[in-house]
PDB file of N, CA and C in Angstrom:
ATOM      1  N   MET A   1      16.181  25.898   8.134  1.00  0.00           N
ATOM      2  CA  MET A   1      15.304  25.566   9.179  1.00  0.00           C
ATOM      3  C   MET A   1      14.875  24.389   8.487  1.00  0.00           C
ATOM      4  N   ARG A   2      15.125  23.339   9.020  1.00  0.00           N
ATOM      5  CA  ARG A   2      14.501  21.638   8.381  1.00  0.00           C
ATOM      6  C   ARG A   2      12.853  21.609   8.424  1.00  0.00           C
ATOM      7  N   GLU A   3      12.104  21.461   7.614  1.00  0.00           N
ATOM      8  CA  GLU A   3      10.598  21.010   7.379  1.00  0.00           C
ATOM      9  C   GLU A   3      10.620  20.094   8.154  1.00  0.00           C
ATOM     10  N   ALA A   4       9.266  19.991   8.560  1.00  0.00           N
ATOM     11  CA  ALA A   4       9.107  18.292   9.346  1.00  0.00           C
ATOM     12  C   ALA A   4       8.410  17.653   8.995  1.00  0.00           C
ATOM     13  N   SER A   5       8.569  16.465   8.298  1.00  0.00           N
ATOM     14  CA  SER A   5       7.631  15.488   7.912  1.00  0.00           C
ATOM     15  C   SER A   5       6.116  15.502   7.834  1.00  0.00           C
ATOM     16  N   PRO A   6       5.498  15.089   6.838  1.00  0.00           N
ATOM     17  CA  PRO A   6       4.239  15.139   7.623  1.00  0.00           C
ATOM     18  C   PRO A   6       3.733  14.003   8.464  1.00  0.00           C
ATOM     19  N   ALA A   7       2.930  14.033   9.123  1.00  0.00           N
ATOM     20  CA  ALA A   7       2.811  12.794  10.081  1.00  0.00           C
ATOM     21  C   ALA A   7       2.338  11.756   9.250  1.00  0.00           C
ATOM     22  N   ALA A   8       2.543  10.206  10.394  1.00  0.00           N
ATOM     23  CA  ALA A   8       1.862   9.287   9.741  1.00  0.00           C
ATOM     24  C   ALA A   8       0.527   9.205   9.875  1.00  0.00           C
ATOM     25  N   MET A   9       0.064   8.538   8.251  1.00  0.00           N
ATOM     26  CA  MET A   9      -1.463   8.029   8.248  1.00  0.00           C
ATOM     27  C   MET A   9      -1.974   6.614   7.941  1.00  0.00           C
ATOM     28  N   GLU A  10      -2.863   6.399   8.400  1.00  0.00           N
ATOM     29  CA  GLU A  10      -3.921   5.288   8.736  1.00  0.00           C
ATOM     30  C   GLU A  10      -4.728   5.087   8.232  1.00  0.00           C
ATOM     31  N   SER A  11      -5.470   3.733   7.938  1.00  0.00           N
ATOM     32  CA  SER A  11      -6.773   3.937   7.210  1.00  0.00           C
ATOM     33  C   SER A  11      -6.985   2.481   7.247  1.00  0.00           C
ATOM     34  N   THR A  12      -8.270   1.833   6.978  1.00  0.00           N
ATOM     35  CA  THR A  12      -8.917   0.930   7.143  1.00  0.00           C
ATOM     36  C   THR A  12      -9.655   0.378   5.716  1.00  0.00           C
ATOM     37  N   HIS A  13      -9.246  -1.009   5.096  1.00  0.00           N
ATOM     38  CA  HIS A  13     -10.171  -1.409   4.434  1.00  0.00           C
ATOM     39  C   HIS A  13     -10.621  -2.702   4.383  1.00  0.00           C
ATOM     40  N   THR A  14     -11.912  -3.225   4.367  1.00  0.00           N
ATOM     41  CA  THR A  14     -12.321  -4.569   4.411  1.00  0.00           C
ATOM     42  C   THR A  14     -12.610  -4.908   3.096  1.00  0.00           C
ATOM     43  N   ILE A  15     -12.167  -6.212   2.779  1.00  0.00           N
ATOM     44  CA  ILE A  15     -11.839  -7.032   1.527  1.00  0.00           C
ATOM     45  C   ILE A  15     -12.906  -7.911   1.440  1.00  0.00           C
ATOM     46  N   ALA A  16     -14.093  -7.015   0.274  1.00  0.00           N
ATOM     47  CA  ALA A  16     -14.989  -7.896  -0.303  1.00  0.00           C
ATOM     48  C   ALA A  16     -14.902  -9.328  -0.447  1.00  0.00           C
ATOM     49  N   PRO A  17     -15.397 -10.346   0.430  1.00  0.00           N
ATOM     50  CA  PRO A  17     -15.551 -11.737  -0.219  1.00  0.00           C
ATOM     51  C   PRO A  17     -15.678 -11.806  -1.363  1.00  0.00           C
ATOM     52  N   ASP A  18     -16.923 -11.021  -2.300  1.00  0.00           N
ATOM     53  CA  ASP A  18     -16.409 -11.496  -3.924  1.00  0.00           C
ATOM     54  C   ASP A  18     -16.040 -10.511  -4.442  1.00  0.00           C
ATOM     55  N   LEU A  19     -14.964 -10.460  -4.058  1.00  0.00           N
ATOM     56  CA  LEU A  19     -13.644  -9.638  -4.716  1.00  0.00           C
ATOM     57  C   LEU A  19     -13.419 -10.183  -6.287  1.00  0.00           C
ATOM     58  N   ARG A  20     -13.218  -9.797  -6.949  1.00  0.00           N
ATOM     59  CA  ARG A  20     -12.882 -10.548  -8.429  1.00  0.00           C
ATOM     60  C   ARG A  20     -11.807 -10.731  -8.310  1.00  0.00           C
ATOM     61  N   ALA A  21     -11.043  -9.980  -7.617  1.00  0.00           N
ATOM     62  CA  ALA A  21      -9.002 -10.201  -7.500  1.00  0.00           C
ATOM     63  C   ALA A  21      -9.139 -11.643  -7.402  1.00  0.00           C
ATOM     64  N   PHE A  22      -9.971 -12.317  -6.603  1.00  0.00           N
ATOM     65  CA  PHE A  22      -9.989 -13.621  -5.914  1.00  0.00           C
ATOM     66  C   PHE A  22      -9.987 -14.673  -6.835  1.00  0.00           C
ATOM     67  N   ASP A  23     -10.789 -14.253  -7.838  1.00  0.00           N
ATOM     68  CA  ASP A  23     -11.232 -15.460  -8.807  1.00  0.00           C
ATOM     69  C   ASP A  23      -9.910 -16.378  -9.624  1.00  0.00           C
ATOM     70  N   GLY A  24      -9.699 -17.401  -9.282  1.00  0.00           N
ATOM     71  CA  GLY A  24      -8.516 -18.103  -9.753  1.00  0.00           C
ATOM     72  C   GLY A  24      -7.132 -17.986  -8.938  1.00  0.00           C
ATOM     73  N   HIS A  25      -7.246 -17.363  -7.857  1.00  0.00           N
ATOM     74  CA  HIS A  25      -6.260 -16.953  -7.280  1.00  0.00           C
ATOM     75  C   HIS A  25      -6.661 -17.008  -5.872  1.00  0.00           C
ATOM     76  N   PHE A  26      -6.414 -18.747  -5.101  1.00  0.00           N
ATOM     77  CA  PHE A  26      -6.713 -20.070  -5.731  1.00  0.00           C
ATOM     78  C   PHE A  26      -7.849 -20.535  -5.206  1.00  0.00           C
ATOM     79  N   PRO A  27      -8.123 -21.755  -6.253  1.00  0.00           N
ATOM     80  CA  PRO A  27      -9.391 -22.486  -5.915  1.00  0.00           C
ATOM     81  C   PRO A  27      -9.469 -22.939  -4.302  1.00  0.00           C
ATOM     82  N   GLY A  28     -10.830 -22.785  -3.889  1.00  0.00           N
ATOM     83  CA  GLY A  28     -10.938 -23.387  -2.651  1.00  0.00           C
ATOM     84  C   GLY A  28     -10.288 -22.722  -1.407  1.00  0.00           C
ATOM     85  N   ALA A  29      -8.810 -22.336  -1.920  1.00  0.00           N
ATOM     86  CA  ALA A  29      -8.478 -21.192  -0.840  1.00  0.00           C
ATOM     87  C   ALA A  29      -7.846 -20.041  -1.563  1.00  0.00           C
ATOM     88  N   PRO A  30      -8.831 -19.001  -1.431  1.00  0.00           N
ATOM     89  CA  PRO A  30      -8.877 -18.024  -2.126  1.00  0.00           C
ATOM     90  C   PRO A  30      -7.550 -17.193  -1.052  1.00  0.00           C
ATOM     91  N   VAL A  31      -6.949 -16.551  -1.955  1.00  0.00           N
ATOM     92  CA  VAL A  31      -5.693 -15.162  -1.269  1.00  0.00           C
ATOM     93  C   VAL A  31      -5.404 -14.267  -2.176  1.00  0.00           C
ATOM     94  N   LEU A  32      -6.032 -13.051  -1.300  1.00  0.00           N
ATOM     95  CA  LEU A  32      -5.761 -11.868  -2.363  1.00  0.00           C
ATOM     96  C   LEU A  32      -4.427 -11.579  -2.840  1.00  0.00           C
ATOM     97  N   PRO A  33      -4.262 -11.054  -4.347  1.00  0.00           N
ATOM     98  CA  PRO A  33      -2.892 -11.177  -5.011  1.00  0.00           C
ATOM     99  C   PRO A  33      -1.909 -10.134  -4.518  1.00  0.00           C
ATOM    100  N   GLY A  34      -1.001 -10.285  -4.323  1.00  0.00           N
ATOM    101  CA  GLY A  34       0.145  -9.157  -3.390  1.00  0.00           C
ATOM    102  C   GLY A  34      -0.012  -7.860  -4.452  1.00  0.00           C
ATOM    103  N   ALA A  35      -0.275  -8.453  -6.089  1.00  0.00           N
ATOM    104  CA  ALA A  35      -0.652  -6.828  -6.657  1.00  0.00           C
ATOM    105  C   ALA A  35      -1.619  -5.922  -6.536  1.00  0.00           C
ATOM    106  N   TYR A  36      -2.784  -6.469  -6.029  1.00  0.00           N
ATOM    107  CA  TYR A  36      -3.933  -6.244  -5.473  1.00  0.00           C
ATOM    108  C   TYR A  36      -3.399  -5.191  -4.337  1.00  0.00           C
ATOM    109  N   LEU A  37      -3.206  -5.732  -3.309  1.00  0.00           N
ATOM    110  CA  LEU A  37      -2.602  -5.244  -2.325  1.00  0.00           C
ATOM    111  C   LEU A  37      -1.742  -4.433  -2.005  1.00  0.00           C
ATOM    112  N   LEU A  38      -0.712  -4.228  -3.184  1.00  0.00           N
ATOM    113  CA  LEU A  38       0.352  -2.695  -3.738  1.00  0.00           C
ATOM    114  C   LEU A  38      -0.986  -1.867  -4.179  1.00  0.00           C
ATOM    115  N   ALA A  39      -1.739  -2.281  -4.800  1.00  0.00           N
ATOM    116  CA  ALA A  39      -2.697  -1.264  -5.513  1.00  0.00           C
ATOM    117  C   ALA A  39      -3.475  -0.535  -4.280  1.00  0.00           C
ATOM    118  N   LEU A  40      -3.926  -1.095  -3.416  1.00  0.00           N
ATOM    119  CA  LEU A  40      -4.676  -0.621  -2.315  1.00  0.00           C
ATOM    120  C   LEU A  40      -3.950   0.221  -1.461  1.00  0.00           C
ATOM    121  N   VAL A  41      -2.292   0.154  -1.375  1.00  0.00           N
ATOM    122  CA  VAL A  41      -1.461   0.749  -0.958  1.00  0.00           C
ATOM    123  C   VAL A  41      -1.172   2.490  -1.327  1.00  0.00           C
ATOM    124  N   LEU A  42      -0.875   2.047  -2.602  1.00  0.00           N
ATOM    125  CA  LEU A  42      -0.586   3.347  -3.594  1.00  0.00           C
ATOM    126  C   LEU A  42      -1.969   4.169  -3.899  1.00  0.00           C
ATOM    127  N   HIS A  43      -2.847   3.573  -4.392  1.00  0.00           N
ATOM    128  CA  HIS A  43      -4.283   4.048  -3.873  1.00  0.00           C
ATOM    129  C   HIS A  43      -4.358   5.208  -2.436  1.00  0.00           C
ATOM    130  N   GLU A  44      -4.553   4.289  -1.294  1.00  0.00           N
ATOM    131  CA  GLU A  44      -4.369   5.182  -0.250  1.00  0.00           C
ATOM    132  C   GLU A  44      -3.359   6.334   0.071  1.00  0.00           C
ATOM    133  N   ILE A  45      -1.664   6.338  -0.945  1.00  0.00           N
ATOM    134  CA  ILE A  45      -0.914   6.945  -0.696  1.00  0.00           C
ATOM    135  C   ILE A  45      -1.653   8.700  -1.521  1.00  0.00           C
ATOM    136  N   GLY A  46      -2.385   7.843  -2.958  1.00  0.00           N
ATOM    137  CA  GLY A  46      -2.677   9.118  -3.569  1.00  0.00           C
ATOM    138  C   GLY A  46      -3.704  10.090  -2.901  1.00  0.00           C
ATOM    139  N   ARG A  47      -4.577   9.453  -1.916  1.00  0.00           N
ATOM    140  CA  ARG A  47      -5.633  10.381  -1.187  1.00  0.00           C
ATOM    141  C   ARG A  47      -5.221  11.390  -0.246  1.00  0.00           C
ATOM    142  N   HIS A  48      -3.653  11.607   0.073  1.00  0.00           N
ATOM    143  CA  HIS A  48      -3.494  12.337   0.601  1.00  0.00           C
ATOM    144  C   HIS A  48      -2.405  13.405  -0.031  1.00  0.00           C
ATOM    145  N   ASP A  49      -2.832  14.487   0.160  1.00  0.00           N
ATOM    146  CA  ASP A  49      -2.106  15.470  -0.694  1.00  0.00           C
ATOM    147  C   ASP A  49      -0.576  15.451  -0.056  1.00  0.00           C
ATOM    148  N   ALA A  50      -0.294  15.408   1.230  1.00  0.00           N
ATOM    149  CA  ALA A  50       1.031  15.319   1.659  1.00  0.00           C
ATOM    150  C   ALA A  50       1.914  13.929   1.337  1.00  0.00           C
ATOM    151  N   LEU A  51       1.147  13.226   0.731  1.00  0.00           N
ATOM    152  CA  LEU A  51       2.005  12.377   0.187  1.00  0.00           C
ATOM    153  C   LEU A  51       1.880  11.491  -1.430  1.00  0.00           C
ATOM    154  N   ARG A  52       1.124  12.487  -1.756  1.00  0.00           N
ATOM    155  CA  ARG A  52       0.819  12.552  -3.557  1.00  0.00           C
ATOM    156  C   ARG A  52       1.994  13.319  -4.252  1.00  0.00           C
ATOM    157  N   ALA A  53       2.580  12.663  -4.982  1.00  0.00           N
ATOM    158  CA  ALA A  53       3.378  12.779  -5.709  1.00  0.00           C
ATOM    159  C   ALA A  53       2.876  13.831  -7.005  1.00  0.00           C
ATOM    160  N   PRO A  54       3.868  14.644  -7.146  1.00  0.00           N
ATOM    161  CA  PRO A  54       3.848  16.334  -8.031  1.00  0.00           C
ATOM    162  C   PRO A  54       3.536  15.536  -9.843  1.00  0.00           C
ATOM    163  N   SER A  55       3.259  16.525 -10.329  1.00  0.00           N
ATOM    164  CA  SER A  55       3.106  15.792 -11.853  1.00  0.00           C
ATOM    165  C   SER A  55       4.631  15.885 -12.169  1.00  0.00           C
ATOM    166  N   GLY A  56       5.022  14.905 -13.007  1.00  0.00           N
ATOM    167  CA  GLY A  56       6.144  14.672 -13.495  1.00  0.00           C
ATOM    168  C   GLY A  56       7.017  13.701 -12.659  1.00  0.00           C
ATOM    169  N   VAL A  57       6.622  13.224 -11.263  1.00  0.00           N
ATOM    170  CA  VAL A  57       7.151  12.514 -10.467  1.00  0.00           C
ATOM    171  C   VAL A  57       6.591  11.148 -10.672  1.00  0.00           C
ATOM    172  N   ALA A  58       6.878   9.959 -10.552  1.00  0.00           N
ATOM    173  CA  ALA A  58       6.239   8.971 -10.652  1.00  0.00           C
ATOM    174  C   ALA A  58       6.497   8.033  -9.145  1.00  0.00           C
ATOM    175  N   LEU A  59       5.838   7.298  -8.606  1.00  0.00           N
ATOM    176  CA  LEU A  59       5.751   6.457  -7.402  1.00  0.00           C
ATOM    177  C   LEU A  59       6.143   5.039  -7.572  1.00  0.00           C
ATOM    178  N   GLN A  60       7.711   4.646  -7.198  1.00  0.00           N
ATOM    179  CA  GLN A  60       8.229   3.641  -7.363  1.00  0.00           C
ATOM    180  C   GLN A  60       8.133   2.625  -6.010  1.00  0.00           C
ATOM    181  N   VAL A  61       7.628   1.471  -6.006  1.00  0.00           N
ATOM    182  CA  VAL A  61       7.892   0.503  -4.979  1.00  0.00           C
ATOM    183  C   VAL A  61       9.175   0.046  -5.083  1.00  0.00           C
ATOM    184  N   GLN A  62      10.215   0.248  -3.939  1.00  0.00           N
ATOM    185  CA  GLN A  62      11.399   0.237  -3.918  1.00  0.00           C
ATOM    186  C   GLN A  62      11.960  -1.692  -3.341  1.00  0.00           C
ATOM    187  N   GLN A  63      10.583  -1.754  -2.057  1.00  0.00           N
ATOM    188  CA  GLN A  63      10.688  -2.821  -1.677  1.00  0.00           C
ATOM    189  C   GLN A  63       9.264  -3.198  -0.918  1.00  0.00           C
ATOM    190  N   VAL A  64       9.463  -4.460  -1.241  1.00  0.00           N
ATOM    191  CA  VAL A  64       8.078  -4.983  -0.432  1.00  0.00           C
ATOM    192  C   VAL A  64       8.247  -6.261  -0.132  1.00  0.00           C
ATOM    193  N   LYS A  65       7.361  -6.554   1.352  1.00  0.00           N
ATOM    194  CA  LYS A  65       7.586  -8.104   1.754  1.00  0.00           C
ATOM    195  C   LYS A  65       6.310  -8.427   2.439  1.00  0.00           C
ATOM    196  N   PHE A  66       5.616  -9.340   1.534  1.00  0.00           N
ATOM    197  CA  PHE A  66       3.997 -10.154   2.119  1.00  0.00           C
ATOM    198  C   PHE A  66       4.771 -11.160   3.263  1.00  0.00           C
ATOM    199  N   LEU A  67       4.320 -10.917   4.243  1.00  0.00           N
ATOM    200  CA  LEU A  67       4.351 -11.584   5.441  1.00  0.00           C
ATOM    201  C   LEU A  67       3.246 -12.878   5.960  1.00  0.00           C
ATOM    202  N   ALA A  68       1.710 -12.532   5.352  1.00  0.00           N
ATOM    203  CA  ALA A  68       0.983 -13.155   5.657  1.00  0.00           C
ATOM    204  C   ALA A  68       0.042 -13.240   4.685  1.00  0.00           C
ATOM    205  N   PRO A  69      -1.025 -14.295   4.300  1.00  0.00           N
ATOM    206  CA  PRO A  69      -2.312 -14.203   3.582  1.00  0.00           C
ATOM    207  C   PRO A  69      -3.398 -14.033   3.848  1.00  0.00           C
ATOM    208  N   VAL A  70      -3.765 -12.847   2.576  1.00  0.00           N
ATOM    209  CA  VAL A  70      -5.554 -11.895   3.360  1.00  0.00           C
ATOM    210  C   VAL A  70      -6.053 -12.505   2.324  1.00  0.00           C
ATOM    211  N   GLY A  71      -7.278 -13.315   3.572  1.00  0.00           N
ATOM    212  CA  GLY A  71      -8.148 -13.806   2.496  1.00  0.00           C
ATOM    213  C   GLY A  71      -9.877 -13.066   2.647  1.00  0.00           C
ATOM    214  N   PRO A  72     -11.099 -13.287   1.553  1.00  0.00           N
ATOM    215  CA  PRO A  72     -11.979 -12.976   1.981  1.00  0.00           C
ATOM    216  C   PRO A  72     -12.506 -12.564   2.947  1.00  0.00           C
ATOM    217  N   GLY A  73     -12.959 -11.150   2.742  1.00  0.00           N
ATOM    218  CA  GLY A  73     -13.419 -10.234   4.295  1.00  0.00           C
ATOM    219  C   GLY A  73     -12.476 -10.271   5.248  1.00  0.00           C
ATOM    220  N   SER A  74     -11.275 -10.066   4.888  1.00  0.00           N
ATOM    221  CA  SER A  74     -10.236  -9.640   5.692  1.00  0.00           C
ATOM    222  C   SER A  74     -10.655  -7.828   6.053  1.00  0.00           C
ATOM    223  N   THR A  75     -10.019  -7.779   6.989  1.00  0.00           N
ATOM    224  CA  THR A  75     -10.453  -6.125   7.644  1.00  0.00           C
ATOM    225  C   THR A  75      -8.360  -5.436   7.475  1.00  0.00           C
ATOM    226  N   LEU A  76      -8.228  -4.385   7.081  1.00  0.00           N
ATOM    227  CA  LEU A  76      -6.564  -4.350   6.770  1.00  0.00           C
ATOM    228  C   LEU A  76      -6.642  -3.040   7.028  1.00  0.00           C
ATOM    229  N   ARG A  77      -5.296  -2.749   8.188  1.00  0.00           N
ATOM    230  CA  ARG A  77      -4.925  -1.637   8.306  1.00  0.00           C
ATOM    231  C   ARG A  77      -3.912  -1.357   7.669  1.00  0.00           C
ATOM    232  N   ILE A  78      -3.836  -0.174   7.087  1.00  0.00           N
ATOM    233  CA  ILE A  78      -2.807   0.387   6.159  1.00  0.00           C
ATOM    234  C   ILE A  78      -2.097   1.623   7.112  1.00  0.00           C
ATOM    235  N   HIS A  79      -0.886   1.525   7.364  1.00  0.00           N
ATOM    236  CA  HIS A  79      -0.187   2.654   7.983  1.00  0.00           C
ATOM    237  C   HIS A  79       0.967   2.842   7.067  1.00  0.00           C
ATOM    238  N   LEU A  80       0.983   4.799   6.759  1.00  0.00           N
ATOM    239  CA  LEU A  80       2.032   5.339   5.958  1.00  0.00           C
ATOM    240  C   LEU A  80       2.472   5.993   6.333  1.00  0.00           C
ATOM    241  N   GLN A  81       4.130   5.933   6.442  1.00  0.00           N
ATOM    242  CA  GLN A  81       5.016   7.116   7.161  1.00  0.00           C
ATOM    243  C   GLN A  81       5.793   7.824   6.324  1.00  0.00           C
ATOM    244  N   PRO A  82       5.518   8.946   6.124  1.00  0.00           N
ATOM    245  CA  PRO A  82       6.400   9.672   5.358  1.00  0.00           C
ATOM    246  C   PRO A  82       7.877   9.602   5.797  1.00  0.00           C
ATOM    247  N   GLN A  83       8.689   9.693   4.799  1.00  0.00           N
ATOM    248  CA  GLN A  83      10.707   9.574   5.260  1.00  0.00           C
ATOM    249  C   GLN A  83      11.250   9.866   4.297  1.00  0.00           C
ATOM    250  N   GLY A  84      11.383  11.702   4.184  1.00  0.00           N
ATOM    251  CA  GLY A  84      11.782  12.109   3.257  1.00  0.00           C
ATOM    252  C   GLY A  84      11.189  11.900   1.403  1.00  0.00           C
ATOM    253  N   ASP A  85      11.952  11.846   0.823  1.00  0.00           N
ATOM    254  CA  ASP A  85      11.377  11.183  -0.491  1.00  0.00           C
ATOM    255  C   ASP A  85      10.938   9.908  -0.333  1.00  0.00           C
ATOM    256  N   ALA A  86      10.584   9.332   0.460  1.00  0.00           N
ATOM    257  CA  ALA A  86       9.980   7.976   0.595  1.00  0.00           C
ATOM    258  C   ALA A  86       9.255   8.033   1.283  1.00  0.00           C
ATOM    259  N   ILE A  87       8.178   6.869   1.360  1.00  0.00           N
ATOM    260  CA  ILE A  87       7.057   6.422   2.702  1.00  0.00           C
ATOM    261  C   ILE A  87       7.164   5.348   2.298  1.00  0.00           C
ATOM    262  N   ALA A  88       7.081   4.771   3.951  1.00  0.00           N
ATOM    263  CA  ALA A  88       6.803   3.399   4.434  1.00  0.00           C
ATOM    264  C   ALA A  88       5.805   2.973   4.470  1.00  0.00           C
ATOM    265  N   PHE A  89       5.280   1.953   4.112  1.00  0.00           N
ATOM    266  CA  PHE A  89       4.102   1.430   4.318  1.00  0.00           C
ATOM    267  C   PHE A  89       3.879   0.340   5.101  1.00  0.00           C
ATOM    268  N   ALA A  90       3.305  -0.131   6.246  1.00  0.00           N
ATOM    269  CA  ALA A  90       2.807  -1.388   6.951  1.00  0.00           C
ATOM    270  C   ALA A  90       1.531  -1.961   6.588  1.00  0.00           C
ATOM    271  N   VAL A  91       1.167  -2.926   6.531  1.00  0.00           N
ATOM    272  CA  VAL A  91      -0.113  -3.498   5.991  1.00  0.00           C
ATOM    273  C   VAL A  91      -0.412  -4.529   7.424  1.00  0.00           C
ATOM    274  N   HIS A  92      -1.156  -4.603   7.781  1.00  0.00           N
ATOM    275  CA  HIS A  92      -2.175  -5.085   9.258  1.00  0.00           C
ATOM    276  C   HIS A  92      -3.315  -6.281   9.117  1.00  0.00           C
ATOM    277  N   GLU A  93      -3.742  -7.229   9.873  1.00  0.00           N
ATOM    278  CA  GLU A  93      -4.887  -8.087   9.727  1.00  0.00           C
ATOM    279  C   GLU A  93      -4.692  -8.334  11.102  1.00  0.00           C
ATOM    280  N   GLY A  94      -5.898  -6.964  11.810  1.00  0.00           N
ATOM    281  CA  GLY A  94      -5.676  -7.466  13.174  1.00  0.00           C
ATOM    282  C   GLY A  94      -3.984  -7.092  13.920  1.00  0.00           C
ATOM    283  N   ALA A  95      -3.811  -7.882  14.793  1.00  0.00           N
ATOM    284  CA  ALA A  95      -2.194  -7.378  14.997  1.00  0.00           C
ATOM    285  C   ALA A  95      -1.403  -8.344  14.106  1.00  0.00           C
ATOM    286  N   THR A  96      -2.001  -9.229  13.274  1.00  0.00           N
ATOM    287  CA  THR A  96      -0.905 -10.068  12.029  1.00  0.00           C
ATOM    288  C   THR A  96      -0.205  -8.673  10.746  1.00  0.00           C
ATOM    289  N   PRO A  97       1.002  -8.587  11.098  1.00  0.00           N
ATOM    290  CA  PRO A  97       1.827  -8.165   9.617  1.00  0.00           C
ATOM    291  C   PRO A  97       1.509  -8.693   8.428  1.00  0.00           C
ATOM    292  N   VAL A  98       0.799  -8.347   7.332  1.00  0.00           N
ATOM    293  CA  VAL A  98       0.093  -8.545   6.214  1.00  0.00           C
ATOM    294  C   VAL A  98       1.640  -8.369   5.127  1.00  0.00           C
ATOM    295  N   ALA A  99       1.929  -7.395   5.142  1.00  0.00           N
ATOM    296  CA  ALA A  99       3.000  -6.724   3.981  1.00  0.00           C
ATOM    297  C   ALA A  99       3.333  -5.346   4.984  1.00  0.00           C
ATOM    298  N   ARG A 100       4.676  -5.469   3.968  1.00  0.00           N
ATOM    299  CA  ARG A 100       5.686  -4.067   4.843  1.00  0.00           C
ATOM    300  C   ARG A 100       6.831  -3.664   3.810  1.00  0.00           C
ATOM    301  N   GLY A 101       6.574  -2.627   3.291  1.00  0.00           N
ATOM    302  CA  GLY A 101       7.891  -2.075   2.354  1.00  0.00           C
ATOM    303  C   GLY A 101       7.810  -0.301   2.507  1.00  0.00           C
ATOM    304  N   GLN A 102       8.752  -0.021   1.141  1.00  0.00           N
ATOM    305  CA  GLN A 102       8.748   1.487   0.940  1.00  0.00           C
ATOM    306  C   GLN A 102       8.863   1.416  -0.328  1.00  0.00           C
ATOM    307  N   VAL A 103       7.955   2.902  -0.686  1.00  0.00           N
ATOM    308  CA  VAL A 103       7.977   3.770  -1.977  1.00  0.00           C
ATOM    309  C   VAL A 103       8.401   4.689  -2.187  1.00  0.00           C
ATOM    310  N   SER A 104       9.361   5.013  -3.164  1.00  0.00           N
ATOM    311  CA  SER A 104       9.923   6.560  -3.296  1.00  0.00           C
ATOM    312  C   SER A 104       9.485   7.477  -4.345  1.00  0.00           C
ATOM    313  N   ARG A 105       9.653   8.369  -4.230  1.00  0.00           N
ATOM    314  CA  ARG A 105       9.473   8.831  -5.649  1.00  0.00           C
ATOM    315  C   ARG A 105      10.513   9.396  -6.652  1.00  0.00           C
ATOM    316  N   SER A 106      10.282   9.304  -7.617  1.00  0.00           N
ATOM    317  CA  SER A 106      11.611   9.342  -8.690  1.00  0.00           C
ATOM    318  C   SER A 106      10.756  10.203 -10.229  1.00  0.00           C
ATOM    319  N   GLU A 107      11.634  11.321 -10.833  1.00  0.00           N
ATOM    320  CA  GLU A 107      11.422  12.413 -11.862  1.00  0.00           C
ATOM    321  C   GLU A 107      11.039  11.085 -13.046  1.00  0.00           C
ATOM    322  N   VAL A 108      10.247  11.094 -13.786  1.00  0.00           N
ATOM    323  CA  VAL A 108       9.699  10.325 -14.823  1.00  0.00           C
ATOM    324  C   VAL A 108      10.567  11.183 -16.239  1.00  0.00           C
ATOM    325  N   PRO A 109      11.446  10.512 -17.129  1.00  0.00           N
ATOM    326  CA  PRO A 109      11.962  11.047 -18.141  1.00  0.00           C
ATOM    327  C   PRO A 109      10.657  11.698 -19.266  1.00  0.00           C
ATOM    328  N   LEU A 110      10.208  12.935 -19.565  1.00  0.00           N
ATOM    329  CA  LEU A 110       9.619  13.110 -20.881  1.00  0.00           C
ATOM    330  C   LEU A 110      10.217  12.490 -22.146  1.00  0.00           C
ATOM    331  N   ALA A 111       8.937  11.801 -22.663  1.00  0.00           N
ATOM    332  CA  ALA A 111       9.022  11.031 -23.828  1.00  0.00           C
ATOM    333  C   ALA A 111       9.587  12.413 -24.843  1.00  0.00           C
TER     334      ALA A 111
END
């Protein structure tokens, strides 16, 4: 019998206008750095027991595409869809897609 994969999960995050990640990125036209956006996605994955990587397993960003800039005060919707050993993600601001990609689990070699 095949195990059913966990259901999709969704959360909402509002980006604070005074977030330090905007400092210098870019003066006069602040844009949320892509690394910060990915950190939000990984944080959200870590909040769900069904998605969290077990000990000795790391999450790797397999692919990501940034589709639109995110500014201060934006409200983002993060959608996570388990797909076997991977998790597909999509980030939207309202109806606008902001980013999408896939994270996979991989064994971490012991030192």
